[in-house]
N, C-alpha and C. Protein backbone atom coordinates (compact mmCIF):
# COMPACT_ATOMS: atom_id res chain seq x y z
N MET A 1 -17.66 3.94 7.22
CA MET A 1 -16.48 4.76 6.95
C MET A 1 -16.02 5.42 8.24
N ILE A 2 -14.76 5.53 8.38
CA ILE A 2 -14.19 6.14 9.57
C ILE A 2 -14.44 7.65 9.52
N LYS A 3 -14.85 8.21 10.63
CA LYS A 3 -15.10 9.65 10.69
C LYS A 3 -13.79 10.36 10.97
N LEU A 4 -13.07 10.67 9.88
CA LEU A 4 -11.75 11.27 10.02
C LEU A 4 -11.81 12.71 10.49
N PHE A 5 -12.83 13.40 10.07
CA PHE A 5 -12.85 14.82 10.33
C PHE A 5 -14.07 15.23 11.13
N SER A 6 -14.43 14.45 12.14
CA SER A 6 -15.61 14.80 12.92
C SER A 6 -15.41 16.12 13.67
N LEU A 7 -14.21 16.37 14.16
CA LEU A 7 -13.95 17.64 14.85
C LEU A 7 -14.04 18.80 13.88
N LYS A 8 -13.50 18.59 12.68
CA LYS A 8 -13.55 19.63 11.66
C LYS A 8 -15.01 19.93 11.31
N GLN A 9 -15.82 18.88 11.20
CA GLN A 9 -17.23 19.05 10.87
C GLN A 9 -17.96 19.78 11.99
N GLN A 10 -17.61 19.44 13.24
CA GLN A 10 -18.24 20.13 14.37
C GLN A 10 -17.94 21.62 14.32
N LYS A 11 -16.69 21.96 13.99
CA LYS A 11 -16.33 23.37 13.88
C LYS A 11 -17.14 24.04 12.78
N LYS A 12 -17.26 23.36 11.65
CA LYS A 12 -17.98 23.91 10.52
C LYS A 12 -19.46 24.11 10.87
N ASP A 13 -20.02 23.16 11.63
CA ASP A 13 -21.43 23.23 12.01
C ASP A 13 -21.67 24.21 13.15
N GLY A 14 -20.60 24.78 13.70
CA GLY A 14 -20.74 25.76 14.76
C GLY A 14 -20.85 25.16 16.15
N GLU A 15 -20.67 23.85 16.27
CA GLU A 15 -20.73 23.23 17.60
C GLU A 15 -19.42 23.50 18.31
N SER A 16 -19.47 23.47 19.61
CA SER A 16 -18.23 23.69 20.33
C SER A 16 -17.44 22.39 20.32
N VAL A 17 -16.16 22.51 20.14
CA VAL A 17 -15.26 21.37 20.11
C VAL A 17 -14.57 21.31 21.44
N PRO A 18 -14.62 20.15 22.11
CA PRO A 18 -13.98 20.07 23.42
C PRO A 18 -12.47 20.24 23.29
N SER A 19 -11.91 20.97 24.22
CA SER A 19 -10.45 21.13 24.19
C SER A 19 -9.82 19.88 24.78
N SER A 20 -8.56 19.65 24.40
CA SER A 20 -7.90 18.43 24.85
C SER A 20 -7.71 18.42 26.36
N SER A 21 -7.62 19.59 26.98
CA SER A 21 -7.40 19.61 28.42
C SER A 21 -8.65 19.19 29.20
N THR A 22 -9.82 19.47 28.67
CA THR A 22 -11.02 19.10 29.39
C THR A 22 -11.53 17.71 29.02
N SER A 23 -11.24 17.26 27.82
CA SER A 23 -11.77 15.96 27.38
C SER A 23 -10.83 14.81 27.69
N GLY A 24 -9.58 15.11 27.97
CA GLY A 24 -8.63 14.05 28.25
C GLY A 24 -8.07 13.41 26.98
N GLN A 25 -8.43 13.93 25.80
CA GLN A 25 -7.91 13.39 24.56
C GLN A 25 -6.52 13.95 24.31
N LYS A 26 -5.67 13.10 23.67
CA LYS A 26 -4.34 13.56 23.31
C LYS A 26 -4.43 14.45 22.08
N LYS A 27 -3.53 15.41 22.01
CA LYS A 27 -3.46 16.27 20.84
C LYS A 27 -2.87 15.46 19.69
N SER A 28 -3.40 15.64 18.49
CA SER A 28 -2.91 14.91 17.33
C SER A 28 -1.51 15.38 16.95
N SER A 29 -0.67 14.44 16.57
CA SER A 29 0.69 14.77 16.14
C SER A 29 0.64 15.30 14.71
N PRO A 30 1.69 15.99 14.28
CA PRO A 30 1.72 16.46 12.89
C PRO A 30 1.55 15.31 11.88
N ALA A 31 2.16 14.15 12.17
CA ALA A 31 2.01 13.00 11.28
C ALA A 31 0.55 12.55 11.20
N GLN A 32 -0.12 12.51 12.35
CA GLN A 32 -1.54 12.11 12.36
C GLN A 32 -2.40 13.09 11.58
N LEU A 33 -2.13 14.38 11.77
CA LEU A 33 -2.90 15.40 11.05
C LEU A 33 -2.70 15.26 9.53
N ARG A 34 -1.46 15.04 9.12
CA ARG A 34 -1.17 14.91 7.69
C ARG A 34 -1.81 13.63 7.13
N VAL A 35 -1.75 12.54 7.87
CA VAL A 35 -2.37 11.29 7.41
C VAL A 35 -3.87 11.48 7.30
N MET A 36 -4.49 12.16 8.26
CA MET A 36 -5.94 12.42 8.18
C MET A 36 -6.26 13.21 6.91
N LYS A 37 -5.44 14.20 6.62
CA LYS A 37 -5.64 15.00 5.40
C LYS A 37 -5.47 14.11 4.16
N ASP A 38 -4.40 13.32 4.13
CA ASP A 38 -4.15 12.43 2.99
C ASP A 38 -5.31 11.44 2.78
N LEU A 39 -5.78 10.85 3.88
CA LEU A 39 -6.85 9.86 3.76
C LEU A 39 -8.16 10.52 3.34
N ASN A 40 -8.39 11.73 3.81
CA ASN A 40 -9.59 12.45 3.42
C ASN A 40 -9.59 12.76 1.92
N GLU A 41 -8.41 13.00 1.38
CA GLU A 41 -8.28 13.34 -0.04
C GLU A 41 -7.99 12.12 -0.91
N LEU A 42 -7.96 10.95 -0.29
CA LEU A 42 -7.63 9.72 -1.02
C LEU A 42 -8.65 9.46 -2.12
N ASN A 43 -8.14 9.21 -3.31
CA ASN A 43 -8.98 8.95 -4.46
C ASN A 43 -8.62 7.56 -4.98
N LEU A 44 -9.19 6.54 -4.35
CA LEU A 44 -8.82 5.17 -4.68
C LEU A 44 -9.42 4.73 -6.01
N PRO A 45 -8.59 4.08 -6.84
CA PRO A 45 -9.16 3.48 -8.04
C PRO A 45 -10.07 2.31 -7.65
N LYS A 46 -10.91 1.87 -8.56
CA LYS A 46 -11.87 0.80 -8.23
C LYS A 46 -11.18 -0.52 -7.88
N THR A 47 -9.91 -0.63 -8.22
CA THR A 47 -9.16 -1.86 -7.94
C THR A 47 -8.50 -1.85 -6.56
N CYS A 48 -8.71 -0.80 -5.79
CA CYS A 48 -8.05 -0.67 -4.48
C CYS A 48 -9.06 -0.38 -3.38
N SER A 49 -8.73 -0.83 -2.17
CA SER A 49 -9.53 -0.51 -0.99
C SER A 49 -8.60 -0.45 0.22
N THR A 50 -9.09 0.18 1.28
CA THR A 50 -8.31 0.25 2.51
C THR A 50 -9.05 -0.47 3.63
N GLU A 51 -8.28 -0.95 4.59
CA GLU A 51 -8.83 -1.57 5.80
C GLU A 51 -8.10 -0.99 6.99
N PHE A 52 -8.85 -0.65 8.03
CA PHE A 52 -8.26 -0.12 9.25
C PHE A 52 -8.55 -1.10 10.38
N PRO A 53 -7.59 -1.98 10.72
CA PRO A 53 -7.82 -2.95 11.79
C PRO A 53 -8.22 -2.28 13.10
N ASP A 54 -7.61 -1.14 13.40
CA ASP A 54 -7.96 -0.36 14.59
C ASP A 54 -8.41 1.02 14.11
N PRO A 55 -9.72 1.28 14.10
CA PRO A 55 -10.23 2.56 13.57
C PRO A 55 -9.67 3.79 14.28
N ASP A 56 -9.14 3.61 15.48
CA ASP A 56 -8.56 4.74 16.21
C ASP A 56 -7.09 4.97 15.85
N ASP A 57 -6.51 4.08 15.06
CA ASP A 57 -5.10 4.18 14.69
C ASP A 57 -4.99 4.36 13.18
N LEU A 58 -4.97 5.60 12.74
CA LEU A 58 -4.90 5.88 11.31
C LEU A 58 -3.49 5.74 10.75
N LEU A 59 -2.49 5.56 11.63
CA LEU A 59 -1.11 5.45 11.18
C LEU A 59 -0.74 4.02 10.75
N ASN A 60 -1.62 3.07 11.00
CA ASN A 60 -1.38 1.68 10.61
C ASN A 60 -2.64 1.15 9.92
N PHE A 61 -2.49 0.84 8.64
CA PHE A 61 -3.65 0.36 7.89
C PHE A 61 -3.19 -0.54 6.75
N LYS A 62 -4.17 -1.14 6.08
CA LYS A 62 -3.89 -2.03 4.95
C LYS A 62 -4.47 -1.42 3.68
N LEU A 63 -3.75 -1.66 2.61
CA LEU A 63 -4.24 -1.33 1.27
C LEU A 63 -4.38 -2.66 0.53
N ILE A 64 -5.53 -2.88 -0.06
CA ILE A 64 -5.78 -4.08 -0.85
C ILE A 64 -5.83 -3.67 -2.31
N ILE A 65 -5.00 -4.33 -3.14
CA ILE A 65 -5.00 -4.08 -4.58
C ILE A 65 -5.45 -5.34 -5.29
N CYS A 66 -6.45 -5.20 -6.14
CA CYS A 66 -7.00 -6.32 -6.94
C CYS A 66 -6.93 -5.91 -8.41
N PRO A 67 -5.77 -6.14 -9.05
CA PRO A 67 -5.62 -5.70 -10.45
C PRO A 67 -6.68 -6.30 -11.36
N ASP A 68 -7.14 -5.47 -12.32
CA ASP A 68 -8.15 -5.96 -13.27
C ASP A 68 -7.58 -6.08 -14.68
N GLU A 69 -6.25 -5.98 -14.80
CA GLU A 69 -5.58 -6.20 -16.08
C GLU A 69 -4.12 -6.57 -15.81
N GLY A 70 -3.45 -7.04 -16.85
CA GLY A 70 -2.04 -7.38 -16.74
C GLY A 70 -1.80 -8.78 -16.19
N PHE A 71 -0.53 -9.07 -15.90
CA PHE A 71 -0.12 -10.38 -15.40
C PHE A 71 -0.85 -10.78 -14.12
N TYR A 72 -1.18 -9.81 -13.28
CA TYR A 72 -1.70 -10.09 -11.94
C TYR A 72 -3.22 -9.95 -11.85
N LYS A 73 -3.89 -9.90 -13.00
CA LYS A 73 -5.34 -9.76 -13.05
C LYS A 73 -6.01 -10.87 -12.23
N GLY A 74 -6.96 -10.46 -11.38
CA GLY A 74 -7.69 -11.43 -10.57
C GLY A 74 -7.06 -11.74 -9.23
N GLY A 75 -5.85 -11.22 -8.98
CA GLY A 75 -5.19 -11.44 -7.70
C GLY A 75 -5.66 -10.45 -6.64
N ARG A 76 -5.37 -10.78 -5.40
CA ARG A 76 -5.70 -9.90 -4.28
C ARG A 76 -4.44 -9.77 -3.44
N PHE A 77 -3.91 -8.55 -3.37
CA PHE A 77 -2.63 -8.31 -2.72
C PHE A 77 -2.80 -7.28 -1.61
N ALA A 78 -2.37 -7.64 -0.41
CA ALA A 78 -2.52 -6.77 0.76
C ALA A 78 -1.17 -6.15 1.12
N PHE A 79 -1.20 -4.86 1.35
CA PHE A 79 -0.02 -4.11 1.75
C PHE A 79 -0.27 -3.49 3.12
N ASN A 80 0.71 -3.60 3.99
CA ASN A 80 0.63 -3.04 5.33
C ASN A 80 1.37 -1.70 5.34
N PHE A 81 0.68 -0.64 5.74
CA PHE A 81 1.26 0.70 5.85
C PHE A 81 1.50 1.01 7.31
N LYS A 82 2.72 1.45 7.64
CA LYS A 82 3.05 1.95 8.97
C LYS A 82 3.62 3.35 8.78
N VAL A 83 2.87 4.33 9.23
CA VAL A 83 3.28 5.72 9.07
C VAL A 83 3.98 6.16 10.35
N GLY A 84 5.20 6.63 10.20
CA GLY A 84 6.00 7.03 11.35
C GLY A 84 5.75 8.46 11.78
N ALA A 85 6.33 8.81 12.91
CA ALA A 85 6.14 10.15 13.50
C ALA A 85 6.74 11.25 12.62
N ASN A 86 7.69 10.92 11.75
CA ASN A 86 8.32 11.94 10.91
C ASN A 86 7.64 12.12 9.55
N TYR A 87 6.50 11.46 9.35
CA TYR A 87 5.73 11.65 8.13
C TYR A 87 5.20 13.08 8.10
N PRO A 88 5.28 13.80 7.02
CA PRO A 88 5.60 13.43 5.65
C PRO A 88 7.07 13.61 5.27
N HIS A 89 7.93 13.88 6.23
CA HIS A 89 9.35 14.07 5.91
C HIS A 89 10.03 12.74 5.63
N GLU A 90 9.44 11.66 6.09
CA GLU A 90 9.91 10.32 5.77
C GLU A 90 8.72 9.53 5.24
N PRO A 91 8.97 8.65 4.27
CA PRO A 91 7.85 7.87 3.71
C PRO A 91 7.34 6.84 4.70
N PRO A 92 6.11 6.38 4.53
CA PRO A 92 5.62 5.28 5.36
C PRO A 92 6.40 4.01 5.04
N LYS A 93 6.40 3.09 5.97
CA LYS A 93 6.96 1.76 5.73
C LYS A 93 5.84 0.93 5.12
N VAL A 94 6.08 0.37 3.95
CA VAL A 94 5.07 -0.40 3.24
C VAL A 94 5.62 -1.79 2.97
N LYS A 95 4.85 -2.80 3.38
CA LYS A 95 5.24 -4.20 3.14
C LYS A 95 4.07 -4.92 2.50
N CYS A 96 4.39 -5.81 1.58
CA CYS A 96 3.37 -6.63 0.96
C CYS A 96 3.16 -7.87 1.84
N GLU A 97 1.94 -8.05 2.34
CA GLU A 97 1.63 -9.20 3.20
C GLU A 97 1.37 -10.46 2.38
N THR A 98 1.04 -10.29 1.10
CA THR A 98 0.73 -11.41 0.23
C THR A 98 2.02 -11.82 -0.48
N GLN A 99 2.42 -13.06 -0.31
CA GLN A 99 3.63 -13.50 -1.00
C GLN A 99 3.32 -13.54 -2.49
N VAL A 100 4.15 -12.89 -3.28
CA VAL A 100 3.87 -12.73 -4.70
C VAL A 100 5.14 -12.94 -5.52
N TYR A 101 4.98 -13.54 -6.68
CA TYR A 101 6.07 -13.71 -7.63
C TYR A 101 6.13 -12.43 -8.46
N HIS A 102 7.04 -11.54 -8.09
CA HIS A 102 7.09 -10.21 -8.70
C HIS A 102 8.53 -9.70 -8.67
N PRO A 103 9.00 -9.11 -9.77
CA PRO A 103 10.38 -8.62 -9.78
C PRO A 103 10.66 -7.52 -8.75
N ASN A 104 9.65 -6.74 -8.39
CA ASN A 104 9.86 -5.58 -7.51
C ASN A 104 9.38 -5.80 -6.08
N ILE A 105 8.98 -7.03 -5.75
CA ILE A 105 8.56 -7.37 -4.39
C ILE A 105 9.26 -8.67 -4.03
N ASP A 106 10.06 -8.66 -2.97
CA ASP A 106 10.77 -9.89 -2.62
C ASP A 106 9.87 -10.82 -1.80
N LEU A 107 10.39 -11.99 -1.50
CA LEU A 107 9.59 -13.01 -0.82
C LEU A 107 9.29 -12.66 0.64
N GLU A 108 9.98 -11.65 1.19
CA GLU A 108 9.70 -11.17 2.55
C GLU A 108 8.69 -10.01 2.54
N GLY A 109 8.28 -9.58 1.36
CA GLY A 109 7.29 -8.52 1.26
C GLY A 109 7.85 -7.12 1.09
N ASN A 110 9.18 -7.00 1.00
CA ASN A 110 9.77 -5.68 0.77
C ASN A 110 9.43 -5.21 -0.64
N VAL A 111 9.18 -3.93 -0.77
CA VAL A 111 8.73 -3.37 -2.04
C VAL A 111 9.78 -2.41 -2.59
N CYS A 112 10.12 -2.59 -3.86
CA CYS A 112 11.06 -1.69 -4.51
C CYS A 112 10.25 -0.68 -5.33
N LEU A 113 10.02 0.46 -4.72
CA LEU A 113 9.30 1.55 -5.36
C LEU A 113 10.05 2.83 -5.01
N ASN A 114 10.54 3.53 -6.03
CA ASN A 114 11.44 4.67 -5.80
C ASN A 114 10.86 5.72 -4.85
N ILE A 115 9.55 5.96 -4.89
CA ILE A 115 9.01 7.00 -4.01
C ILE A 115 8.91 6.56 -2.55
N LEU A 116 9.16 5.28 -2.29
CA LEU A 116 9.22 4.83 -0.90
C LEU A 116 10.65 4.90 -0.37
N ARG A 117 11.57 5.30 -1.22
CA ARG A 117 12.97 5.38 -0.80
C ARG A 117 13.58 6.71 -1.23
N GLU A 118 14.48 6.63 -2.21
CA GLU A 118 15.29 7.80 -2.57
C GLU A 118 14.51 8.95 -3.19
N ASP A 119 13.39 8.68 -3.84
CA ASP A 119 12.64 9.76 -4.50
C ASP A 119 11.48 10.30 -3.66
N TRP A 120 11.45 9.96 -2.38
CA TRP A 120 10.37 10.47 -1.52
C TRP A 120 10.55 11.96 -1.31
N LYS A 121 9.43 12.68 -1.37
CA LYS A 121 9.40 14.11 -1.06
C LYS A 121 8.17 14.36 -0.18
N PRO A 122 8.25 15.30 0.75
CA PRO A 122 7.11 15.57 1.64
C PRO A 122 5.82 15.97 0.91
N VAL A 123 5.93 16.44 -0.34
CA VAL A 123 4.70 16.80 -1.06
C VAL A 123 3.94 15.56 -1.56
N LEU A 124 4.60 14.41 -1.56
CA LEU A 124 3.92 13.17 -1.97
C LEU A 124 2.95 12.75 -0.87
N THR A 125 1.93 12.01 -1.26
CA THR A 125 0.87 11.63 -0.33
C THR A 125 0.66 10.13 -0.35
N ILE A 126 -0.23 9.67 0.52
CA ILE A 126 -0.63 8.25 0.51
C ILE A 126 -1.18 7.90 -0.87
N ASN A 127 -1.91 8.81 -1.47
CA ASN A 127 -2.47 8.59 -2.81
C ASN A 127 -1.36 8.29 -3.83
N SER A 128 -0.25 9.01 -3.74
CA SER A 128 0.89 8.79 -4.65
C SER A 128 1.41 7.37 -4.50
N ILE A 129 1.49 6.90 -3.27
CA ILE A 129 2.00 5.55 -3.02
C ILE A 129 1.02 4.51 -3.56
N VAL A 130 -0.28 4.73 -3.36
CA VAL A 130 -1.30 3.80 -3.86
C VAL A 130 -1.14 3.64 -5.37
N TYR A 131 -1.04 4.75 -6.08
CA TYR A 131 -0.91 4.67 -7.53
C TYR A 131 0.42 4.06 -7.95
N GLY A 132 1.49 4.32 -7.19
CA GLY A 132 2.78 3.70 -7.47
C GLY A 132 2.72 2.19 -7.32
N LEU A 133 2.09 1.72 -6.24
CA LEU A 133 1.97 0.27 -6.01
C LEU A 133 1.09 -0.36 -7.09
N GLN A 134 0.00 0.30 -7.43
CA GLN A 134 -0.88 -0.23 -8.46
C GLN A 134 -0.11 -0.34 -9.79
N TYR A 135 0.71 0.65 -10.09
CA TYR A 135 1.48 0.64 -11.33
C TYR A 135 2.46 -0.54 -11.37
N LEU A 136 3.01 -0.91 -10.21
CA LEU A 136 3.93 -2.06 -10.18
C LEU A 136 3.25 -3.33 -10.68
N PHE A 137 1.95 -3.46 -10.45
CA PHE A 137 1.24 -4.65 -10.92
C PHE A 137 0.89 -4.55 -12.41
N LEU A 138 0.77 -3.33 -12.91
CA LEU A 138 0.48 -3.16 -14.34
C LEU A 138 1.75 -3.24 -15.18
N GLU A 139 2.83 -2.71 -14.65
CA GLU A 139 4.11 -2.67 -15.36
C GLU A 139 5.26 -3.06 -14.43
N PRO A 140 5.44 -4.36 -14.17
CA PRO A 140 6.59 -4.76 -13.34
C PRO A 140 7.89 -4.27 -13.99
N ASN A 141 8.84 -3.85 -13.17
CA ASN A 141 10.08 -3.27 -13.67
C ASN A 141 11.26 -4.21 -13.42
N PRO A 142 11.68 -4.97 -14.44
CA PRO A 142 12.80 -5.89 -14.25
C PRO A 142 14.16 -5.19 -14.16
N GLU A 143 14.18 -3.89 -14.44
CA GLU A 143 15.45 -3.14 -14.41
C GLU A 143 15.89 -2.81 -12.98
N ASP A 144 14.99 -2.85 -12.02
CA ASP A 144 15.30 -2.48 -10.64
C ASP A 144 14.68 -3.53 -9.70
N PRO A 145 15.20 -4.77 -9.74
CA PRO A 145 14.51 -5.86 -9.04
C PRO A 145 14.91 -6.04 -7.58
N LEU A 146 13.96 -6.58 -6.82
CA LEU A 146 14.26 -7.15 -5.50
C LEU A 146 14.26 -8.67 -5.63
N ASN A 147 13.44 -9.19 -6.54
CA ASN A 147 13.41 -10.62 -6.83
C ASN A 147 14.08 -10.80 -8.19
N LYS A 148 15.40 -11.03 -8.14
CA LYS A 148 16.21 -11.08 -9.36
C LYS A 148 15.77 -12.22 -10.27
N GLU A 149 15.40 -13.35 -9.69
CA GLU A 149 15.00 -14.50 -10.51
C GLU A 149 13.75 -14.16 -11.32
N ALA A 150 12.76 -13.54 -10.70
CA ALA A 150 11.54 -13.15 -11.41
C ALA A 150 11.86 -12.11 -12.48
N ALA A 151 12.76 -11.19 -12.18
CA ALA A 151 13.15 -10.16 -13.15
C ALA A 151 13.84 -10.79 -14.36
N ASP A 152 14.73 -11.74 -14.11
CA ASP A 152 15.43 -12.42 -15.21
C ASP A 152 14.45 -13.16 -16.11
N VAL A 153 13.47 -13.85 -15.50
CA VAL A 153 12.48 -14.59 -16.29
C VAL A 153 11.62 -13.59 -17.09
N LEU A 154 11.22 -12.48 -16.49
CA LEU A 154 10.43 -11.48 -17.21
C LEU A 154 11.18 -10.94 -18.42
N GLN A 155 12.48 -10.71 -18.27
CA GLN A 155 13.27 -10.17 -19.37
C GLN A 155 13.53 -11.22 -20.46
N SER A 156 13.72 -12.47 -20.06
CA SER A 156 14.12 -13.48 -21.05
C SER A 156 12.95 -14.26 -21.65
N ASN A 157 11.84 -14.41 -20.90
CA ASN A 157 10.75 -15.26 -21.39
C ASN A 157 9.42 -14.81 -20.76
N LYS A 158 8.74 -13.88 -21.43
CA LYS A 158 7.49 -13.33 -20.86
C LYS A 158 6.43 -14.40 -20.67
N ARG A 159 6.37 -15.39 -21.56
CA ARG A 159 5.37 -16.45 -21.41
C ARG A 159 5.62 -17.27 -20.15
N LEU A 160 6.87 -17.59 -19.89
CA LEU A 160 7.20 -18.34 -18.68
C LEU A 160 6.91 -17.48 -17.45
N PHE A 161 7.21 -16.19 -17.53
CA PHE A 161 6.92 -15.29 -16.42
C PHE A 161 5.42 -15.29 -16.13
N GLU A 162 4.61 -15.14 -17.16
CA GLU A 162 3.15 -15.14 -16.99
C GLU A 162 2.67 -16.46 -16.40
N SER A 163 3.25 -17.56 -16.86
CA SER A 163 2.89 -18.88 -16.32
C SER A 163 3.26 -18.98 -14.84
N ASN A 164 4.43 -18.47 -14.47
CA ASN A 164 4.87 -18.49 -13.07
C ASN A 164 3.97 -17.63 -12.19
N VAL A 165 3.57 -16.47 -12.70
CA VAL A 165 2.67 -15.58 -11.94
C VAL A 165 1.35 -16.30 -11.67
N LEU A 166 0.78 -16.92 -12.71
CA LEU A 166 -0.49 -17.63 -12.56
C LEU A 166 -0.36 -18.81 -11.59
N LYS A 167 0.74 -19.55 -11.71
CA LYS A 167 0.99 -20.68 -10.81
C LYS A 167 1.05 -20.20 -9.36
N ALA A 168 1.75 -19.09 -9.14
CA ALA A 168 1.88 -18.55 -7.79
C ALA A 168 0.53 -18.04 -7.27
N MET A 169 -0.24 -17.36 -8.12
CA MET A 169 -1.52 -16.81 -7.67
C MET A 169 -2.55 -17.91 -7.41
N ARG A 170 -2.46 -19.02 -8.13
CA ARG A 170 -3.39 -20.14 -7.91
C ARG A 170 -3.04 -20.92 -6.65
N GLY A 171 -1.84 -20.71 -6.16
CA GLY A 171 -1.36 -21.45 -5.00
C GLY A 171 -0.56 -22.64 -5.48
N GLY A 172 0.73 -22.53 -5.43
CA GLY A 172 1.59 -23.62 -5.89
C GLY A 172 3.04 -23.21 -5.85
N TYR A 173 3.86 -24.11 -6.34
CA TYR A 173 5.31 -23.90 -6.34
C TYR A 173 5.75 -23.21 -7.62
N VAL A 174 6.66 -22.26 -7.45
CA VAL A 174 7.44 -21.72 -8.56
C VAL A 174 8.87 -21.96 -8.14
N GLY A 175 9.52 -22.90 -8.84
CA GLY A 175 10.83 -23.35 -8.38
C GLY A 175 10.63 -24.10 -7.08
N ASN A 176 11.39 -23.72 -6.06
CA ASN A 176 11.23 -24.40 -4.76
C ASN A 176 10.48 -23.53 -3.74
N VAL A 177 9.80 -22.50 -4.22
CA VAL A 177 9.06 -21.60 -3.33
C VAL A 177 7.57 -21.85 -3.49
N TYR A 178 6.89 -22.08 -2.36
CA TYR A 178 5.45 -22.28 -2.38
C TYR A 178 4.74 -20.96 -2.13
N PHE A 179 3.73 -20.67 -2.93
CA PHE A 179 2.94 -19.44 -2.81
C PHE A 179 1.52 -19.83 -2.41
N GLU A 180 0.96 -19.10 -1.44
CA GLU A 180 -0.45 -19.27 -1.06
C GLU A 180 -1.33 -18.70 -2.15
N ARG A 181 -2.50 -19.29 -2.33
CA ARG A 181 -3.46 -18.81 -3.33
C ARG A 181 -3.87 -17.37 -2.98
N CYS A 182 -3.89 -16.50 -3.98
CA CYS A 182 -4.30 -15.11 -3.77
C CYS A 182 -5.28 -14.65 -4.84
N LEU A 183 -5.87 -15.59 -5.56
CA LEU A 183 -6.90 -15.20 -6.53
C LEU A 183 -8.20 -14.90 -5.79
N LYS A 184 -8.93 -13.89 -6.30
CA LYS A 184 -10.20 -13.52 -5.66
C LYS A 184 -11.23 -14.58 -5.92
């Protein structure tokens, strides 16, 4: 596990914490401090995990969601989080790296989730986004689609939609689009 709060722990333990002027370390930005707080308080469901490609860069990480129920049960979906300097006043940029047949995720990985756009508020956290993304896999929303074709199929024929989701997750074509296998 990444030691997010080693300095905080040193302070608590009464050890002296090196100042940034003597250690040569950069001072953490407000966005970094808030992300550290959010990650420390992160309460991931058993179907989710995080990966930090660069342990020194907490502003860029992956969230892996492996739904255990619903249309997407058994799939493994990776989301790339890029937290900007204006966080928490602006939401992180979140993209789905796994190509998925989903009404609210387009084929380029853009995600239609209200709290990542118009309903974002600084009181929301990384945890809020995790649960929002997880909910998209439990309850896809055809009323606000990025993938209109998938939304239309979900509204008109749930069995065909479920068949298309399984076909895509197994690795295959849905229409003229090929999906890489994403089953665990």
